[in-house]
Protein backbone atom coordinates (compact mmCIF):
# COMPACT_ATOMS: atom_id res chain seq x y z
CA UNK A 1 0.00 0.00 0.00
CA UNK A 2 2.73 2.48 0.95
CA UNK A 3 4.73 1.64 -2.18
CA UNK A 4 1.70 1.98 -4.43
CA UNK A 5 0.53 5.30 -3.02
CA UNK A 6 3.78 7.13 -2.47
CA UNK A 7 6.38 5.25 -4.52
CA UNK A 8 8.37 4.47 -1.36
CA UNK A 9 9.60 1.08 -0.24
CA UNK A 10 8.66 -0.23 3.19
CA UNK A 11 11.93 -1.52 4.63
CA UNK A 12 11.08 -2.46 8.21
CA UNK A 13 8.01 -2.87 10.40
CA UNK A 14 8.23 -3.09 14.19
CA UNK A 15 5.35 -4.77 15.99
CA UNK A 16 4.54 -6.34 19.32
CA UNK A 17 4.53 -10.12 19.69
CA UNK A 18 0.85 -10.51 18.86
CA UNK A 19 -0.13 -13.74 17.15
CA UNK A 20 -1.58 -11.85 14.19
CA UNK A 21 1.97 -10.72 13.32
CA UNK A 22 3.42 -14.23 13.50
CA UNK A 23 1.05 -16.01 11.15
CA UNK A 24 2.52 -17.96 8.26
CA UNK A 25 0.80 -15.64 5.75
CA UNK A 26 2.17 -12.51 7.40
CA UNK A 27 5.75 -13.85 7.57
CA UNK A 28 5.61 -15.02 3.94
CA UNK A 29 4.24 -11.64 2.79
CA UNK A 30 7.18 -9.84 4.40
CA UNK A 31 9.78 -12.30 3.12
CA UNK A 32 8.51 -12.06 -0.47
CA UNK A 33 8.81 -8.28 -0.38
CA UNK A 34 12.13 -8.08 1.46
CA UNK A 35 10.62 -6.28 4.45
CA UNK A 36 12.44 -6.75 7.75
CA UNK A 37 10.07 -7.52 10.61
CA UNK A 38 11.25 -6.59 14.11
CA UNK A 39 9.43 -7.69 17.26
CA UNK A 40 9.34 -5.60 20.41
CA UNK A 41 10.75 -7.13 23.58
CA UNK A 42 7.84 -8.57 25.58
CA UNK A 43 6.80 -6.68 28.73
CA UNK A 44 8.99 -3.68 27.97
CA UNK A 45 6.69 -0.83 26.91
CA UNK A 46 9.57 1.64 27.36
CA UNK A 47 10.98 0.35 24.06
CA UNK A 48 7.89 1.67 22.31
CA UNK A 49 7.51 4.88 24.29
CA UNK A 50 7.23 7.24 21.32
CA UNK A 51 4.40 5.26 19.74
CA UNK A 52 2.59 4.88 23.07
CA UNK A 53 2.89 8.63 23.72
CA UNK A 54 1.57 9.45 20.23
CA UNK A 55 -1.35 7.04 20.70
CA UNK A 56 -2.22 8.76 23.97
CA UNK A 57 -2.00 12.18 22.30
CA UNK A 58 -4.26 11.03 19.46
CA UNK A 59 -6.78 9.54 21.90
CA UNK A 60 -6.94 12.76 23.94
CA UNK A 61 -7.47 14.82 20.80
CA UNK A 62 -10.20 12.47 19.54
CA UNK A 63 -12.08 12.83 22.84
CA UNK A 64 -11.68 16.61 22.72
CA UNK A 65 -12.89 16.84 19.12
CA UNK A 66 -15.93 14.67 19.80
CA UNK A 67 -16.86 16.74 22.85
CA UNK A 68 -16.43 20.02 20.98
CA UNK A 69 -18.34 18.83 17.90
CA UNK A 70 -21.30 17.44 19.83
CA UNK A 71 -21.05 14.22 17.81
CA UNK A 72 -21.63 10.90 19.57
CA UNK A 73 -18.85 8.42 20.36
CA UNK A 74 -20.06 6.45 17.34
CA UNK A 75 -18.13 8.93 15.19
CA UNK A 76 -14.79 8.17 16.88
CA UNK A 77 -13.27 6.81 13.66
CA UNK A 78 -14.07 10.04 11.82
CA UNK A 79 -12.52 12.06 14.66
CA UNK A 80 -9.46 9.80 14.67
CA UNK A 81 -8.93 10.29 10.92
CA UNK A 82 -9.30 14.06 11.36
CA UNK A 83 -6.76 14.14 14.22
CA UNK A 84 -4.19 12.16 12.23
CA UNK A 85 -4.79 14.38 9.19
CA UNK A 86 -4.11 17.50 11.26
CA UNK A 87 -1.01 15.99 12.91
CA UNK A 88 0.39 15.15 9.48
CA UNK A 89 -0.18 18.75 8.35
CA UNK A 90 1.40 20.33 11.44
CA UNK A 91 5.03 21.16 12.24
CA UNK A 92 6.61 18.39 14.31
CA UNK A 93 9.17 18.98 17.05
CA UNK A 94 11.00 15.63 16.48
CA UNK A 95 11.29 16.60 12.80
CA UNK A 96 12.82 20.00 13.66
CA UNK A 97 9.46 21.70 12.98
CA UNK A 98 9.18 20.25 9.51
CA UNK A 99 5.77 19.04 8.31
CA UNK A 100 5.34 15.25 8.05
CA UNK A 101 3.15 15.44 4.93
CA UNK A 102 5.71 17.59 3.15
CA UNK A 103 8.54 15.20 4.00
CA UNK A 104 6.53 12.09 3.08
CA UNK A 105 4.94 13.09 -0.23
CA UNK A 106 7.01 16.14 -1.15
CA UNK A 107 4.21 18.71 -1.32
CA UNK A 108 3.16 21.40 1.10
CA UNK A 109 -0.24 20.93 2.74
CA UNK A 110 -3.16 23.08 1.60
CA UNK A 111 -4.70 24.68 4.69
CA UNK A 112 -7.49 26.37 2.72
CA UNK A 113 -9.64 23.23 2.89
CA UNK A 114 -9.42 22.73 6.68
CA UNK A 115 -12.77 22.61 8.44
CA UNK A 116 -13.88 21.98 12.02
CA UNK A 117 -15.23 18.51 12.84
CA UNK A 118 -18.97 18.79 13.41
CA UNK A 119 -19.43 22.14 11.67
CA UNK A 120 -22.43 22.84 9.48
CA UNK A 121 -21.97 21.78 5.86
CA UNK A 122 -24.20 21.43 2.83
CA UNK A 123 -24.32 18.57 0.33
CA UNK A 124 -25.35 19.28 -3.23
CA UNK A 125 -28.43 17.39 -4.35
CA UNK A 126 -27.85 16.27 -7.96
CA UNK A 127 -30.11 17.97 -10.49
CA UNK A 128 -31.64 14.62 -11.49
CA UNK A 129 -32.74 14.01 -7.87
CA UNK A 130 -34.65 17.27 -7.38
CA UNK A 131 -37.44 19.28 -8.94
CA UNK A 132 -37.15 22.84 -10.18
CA UNK A 133 -38.34 24.57 -7.00
CA UNK A 134 -36.74 22.20 -4.48
CA UNK A 135 -33.58 23.07 -2.53
CA UNK A 136 -30.25 22.41 -4.28
CA UNK A 137 -28.54 21.20 -1.13
CA UNK A 138 -29.28 19.59 2.21
CA UNK A 139 -27.88 20.47 5.60
CA UNK A 140 -25.27 18.06 6.94
CA UNK A 141 -22.46 17.80 9.50
CA UNK A 142 -18.80 17.89 8.47
CA UNK A 143 -16.95 14.66 9.36
CA UNK A 144 -13.65 14.88 7.53
CA UNK A 145 -11.92 14.40 4.22
CA UNK A 146 -11.97 11.83 1.45
CA UNK A 147 -9.59 8.88 1.44
CA UNK A 148 -5.88 9.69 1.21
CA UNK A 149 -6.48 13.40 1.78
CA UNK A 150 -8.57 13.86 -1.35
CA UNK A 151 -10.17 17.27 -1.77
CA UNK A 152 -13.73 15.96 -1.28
CA UNK A 153 -15.40 16.06 2.12
CA UNK A 154 -17.19 13.41 4.20
CA UNK A 155 -20.54 14.62 5.52
CA UNK A 156 -23.14 13.15 7.86
CA UNK A 157 -26.75 13.62 6.81
CA UNK A 158 -28.66 13.28 10.10
CA UNK A 159 -32.06 13.35 8.39
CA UNK A 160 -31.29 10.33 6.19
CA UNK A 161 -28.75 8.88 8.67
CA UNK A 162 -26.06 8.36 6.06
CA UNK A 163 -22.52 9.43 5.30
CA UNK A 164 -22.06 11.28 2.04
C-alpha cells in the first residue's frame, strides 16, 4: 500500500509479539517483499515509548474533538482520521518543525480546505434528484476528508442517517 501510493519502499516494520503478526501468511508476505520484521521485547513498553505517547495524544485529541463537535462516540473513527490528518499537516518537534506530509509526499499541505469537525456543511443534491423549485442542497455535519487526503469532504446527513 505504501509503495503503491507514495512510490516508497517499506523496509522495516516493528510490531509487538501478537499472534496476528506471527502467522505464516504474514511472515511469507514480508519475506517475499524483502521487508524486515522486528518484534518488540515482551513486557517492555519503554521500548515503544514514542508510539505509546503518540497514541495517547491522538486519543486525547479524539475525545476533545468529539466533545467540541457534539457528535456521539459512534463517530470516533471520523474524529481519529481528522486528528491524524491535522497531525500530518502540522510542524513536528521531532522533525525540527518540519511538516510530516511535506517530508513524506514532497508537497506542502493546503490549509485552505481545513474545516472543524462537526461544523455545518451542505451537500449538493444532484439535479436529477430534485425538482425545479426544491432546494439544491441539504444540511449536513462535516466529518472529515476523502480517502488519502482527497479534496472531497465526508458529511453526515442526520435526516437520512447516512454518510455522504
